Amino acid sequence: MAAAKEALGTRHHVESDQLGIVGGVPQIVLRFLVEARDYQGENSEARLSAEMMRDAVERVALTGSLSVLRRSRGKWAPV
């Protein structure tokens, strides 16, 4: 968790973090803010930042799938 928060925190404000176990597999969830600009640019920046965070976590742990979601009108959808 520390590696994930540190990596993402270099680019964005991390609003919340959660470490859980889903089906016996650890799962890291981080919610962060991306600076406002065009919609696609925000999505691209979020994906790039998430990939950077994943690279940092892979130095200390095995990783699985990466999901990047965006909240719009109260619903979360993949970017």
Foldseek 3Di string as FASTA:
>chain_A
DVLLCVQLVVQWDWPDWDWDADPNRIDIDTDTDDDDDDPVVSLVVQVVSQVRSVVSVVVPDDDDDDFDWDDDPRDTDTD
